[in-house]
Protein backbone atom coordinates (compact mmCIF):
# COMPACT_ATOMS: atom_id res chain seq x y z
CA MET A 1 -0.11 -0.08 -0.14
CA LYS A 2 1.22 3.17 -0.96
CA TYR A 3 0.55 6.68 1.07
CA ILE A 4 -0.16 10.17 0.44
CA ILE A 5 0.63 12.78 3.13
CA VAL A 6 -2.78 14.96 4.00
CA ASN A 7 -2.15 17.47 6.78
CA ASN A 8 0.89 15.88 8.05
CA LYS A 9 -0.96 12.57 8.29
CA LYS A 10 -0.49 9.36 5.79
CA VAL A 11 -3.45 8.07 4.44
CA GLY A 12 -3.05 4.54 2.48
CA ILE A 13 -4.42 4.19 -0.82
CA PRO A 14 -4.93 0.63 -2.18
CA LYS A 15 -3.08 -0.87 -5.11
CA TRP A 16 -5.96 -0.79 -7.51
CA LYS A 17 -6.22 3.26 -6.60
CA TYR A 18 -2.82 4.25 -6.80
CA GLU A 19 -2.42 2.51 -10.39
CA ASN A 20 -5.61 4.47 -12.04
CA GLU A 21 -4.22 7.87 -13.08
CA LYS A 22 -7.74 9.36 -13.59
CA TYR A 23 -8.25 8.61 -9.92
CA LEU A 24 -4.79 10.25 -8.60
CA PHE A 25 -5.58 13.15 -10.94
CA GLU A 26 -8.40 14.14 -9.61
CA LEU A 27 -7.38 13.61 -5.89
CA GLN A 28 -4.93 15.92 -6.73
CA LYS A 29 -7.25 18.59 -8.16
CA PHE A 30 -9.37 17.86 -5.09
CA LEU A 31 -6.50 18.71 -2.76
CA ASP A 32 -4.86 21.27 -4.98
CA LYS A 33 -8.51 23.21 -4.48
CA VAL A 34 -9.12 22.61 -0.97
CA THR A 35 -5.53 24.00 0.07
CA ASN A 36 -6.73 27.52 -1.28
CA ILE A 37 -9.33 27.41 1.72
CA LYS A 38 -7.76 30.25 3.84
CA ASP A 39 -9.59 28.70 7.19
CA LYS A 40 -7.28 25.89 8.12
CA LYS A 41 -9.63 24.06 10.01
CA LEU A 42 -12.63 24.18 7.73
CA GLN A 43 -9.77 23.09 5.11
CA GLU A 44 -9.12 20.32 7.38
CA GLY A 45 -12.65 19.10 8.22
CA ILE A 46 -13.36 19.12 4.32
CA ILE A 47 -10.38 16.76 3.65
CA ILE A 48 -11.05 14.48 6.26
CA GLN A 49 -14.39 14.03 5.38
CA MET A 50 -13.89 13.64 1.81
CA LEU A 51 -11.34 10.65 2.72
CA ILE A 52 -14.05 9.21 4.99
CA CYS A 53 -16.63 8.92 1.84
CA ASP A 54 -13.72 7.90 -0.10
CA GLU A 55 -13.02 5.02 2.11
CA VAL A 56 -16.57 4.21 2.77
CA LEU A 57 -16.87 3.83 -1.09
CA THR A 58 -13.70 1.99 -1.37
CA ASN A 59 -14.87 -0.87 1.16
CA ALA A 60 -18.35 -0.92 -0.33
CA SER A 61 -16.90 -1.60 -3.80
CA GLU A 62 -14.31 -3.91 -2.70
CA LYS A 63 -16.91 -5.94 -0.62
CA HIS A 64 -19.53 -6.31 -3.70
CA PHE A 65 -16.51 -7.15 -6.28
CA LYS A 66 -15.62 -10.00 -3.56
CA GLN A 67 -19.41 -11.06 -3.45
CA TYR A 68 -19.31 -11.12 -7.46
CA TYR A 69 -16.40 -12.56 -8.09
CA GLY A 70 -14.93 -13.88 -4.96
CA ASP A 71 -11.44 -13.04 -3.63
CA VAL A 72 -9.21 -12.89 -6.40
CA ASN A 73 -6.36 -12.72 -4.15
CA ASN A 74 -6.85 -16.47 -2.54
CA LYS A 75 -7.35 -17.81 -6.28
């Protein structure tokens, strides 16, 4: 797993995400825009909430993928 640093915290990115150039591009665009927010507490809250949403969506996607295709890592 690779990591990005957001507000001095390491955030893990699953392999299938960090190999997706479009995902990384859009993530970088988001972070670039958020860094323009002058209120640091608001900036941090927005980043944290987006990362929570991203994690929930990732977990749900991976769960449904495993239900449909099985655990491809154990085959």
